[in-house]
């Protein structure tokens, strides 16, 4: 499978697209953030808005 054929999502913190990874295979529907950094910064984004 080509990388362009993998599913993508948009990270709500950095607004960048990220693609499916094998480690997310079991819980892809629950993945919201592209990285641990974005996951830890999710609250700072809400305070700015």
Protein backbone atom coordinates (compact mmCIF):
# COMPACT_ATOMS: atom_id res chain seq x y z
CA UNK A 1 0.00 0.00 0.00
CA UNK A 2 1.33 3.43 -0.92
CA UNK A 3 1.60 6.17 1.66
CA UNK A 4 -0.76 8.36 -0.38
CA UNK A 5 -3.46 5.68 -0.05
CA UNK A 6 -3.39 5.64 3.76
CA UNK A 7 -6.18 7.39 5.69
CA UNK A 8 -5.53 10.91 6.94
CA UNK A 9 -6.85 13.18 9.69
CA UNK A 10 -6.30 16.83 10.59
CA UNK A 11 -4.76 17.59 13.98
CA UNK A 12 -6.99 20.10 15.83
CA UNK A 13 -3.99 21.71 17.56
CA UNK A 14 -1.54 22.35 14.71
CA UNK A 15 -4.05 21.99 11.81
CA UNK A 16 -1.68 19.74 9.88
CA UNK A 17 -2.69 16.49 8.22
CA UNK A 18 -1.28 13.27 9.61
CA UNK A 19 -1.50 9.79 8.18
CA UNK A 20 -2.32 6.40 9.63
CA UNK A 21 0.49 4.58 11.44
CA UNK A 22 0.74 0.90 12.18
CA UNK A 23 0.86 1.55 15.94
CA UNK A 24 -2.58 3.23 15.62
CA UNK A 25 -4.15 0.27 13.80
CA UNK A 26 -6.30 -0.87 16.73
CA UNK A 27 -7.53 2.58 17.78
CA UNK A 28 -7.43 4.79 14.65
CA UNK A 29 -10.97 6.03 15.32
CA UNK A 30 -9.85 7.36 18.72
CA UNK A 31 -6.65 9.09 17.53
CA UNK A 32 -7.10 12.88 17.54
CA UNK A 33 -3.62 14.37 17.73
CA UNK A 34 -0.61 13.91 15.47
CA UNK A 35 1.97 13.77 18.27
CA UNK A 36 2.50 13.74 22.01
CA UNK A 37 3.46 17.40 21.83
CA UNK A 38 0.12 18.36 20.28
CA UNK A 39 -1.69 16.16 22.74
CA UNK A 40 -0.05 17.96 25.66
CA UNK A 41 -0.71 21.39 24.09
CA UNK A 42 -4.42 20.82 23.52
CA UNK A 43 -5.44 22.84 26.58
CA UNK A 44 -3.28 25.85 25.70
CA UNK A 45 -5.12 26.08 22.39
CA UNK A 46 -8.49 26.27 24.15
CA UNK A 47 -7.27 29.07 26.43
CA UNK A 48 -6.12 31.19 23.49
CA UNK A 49 -9.54 31.08 21.80
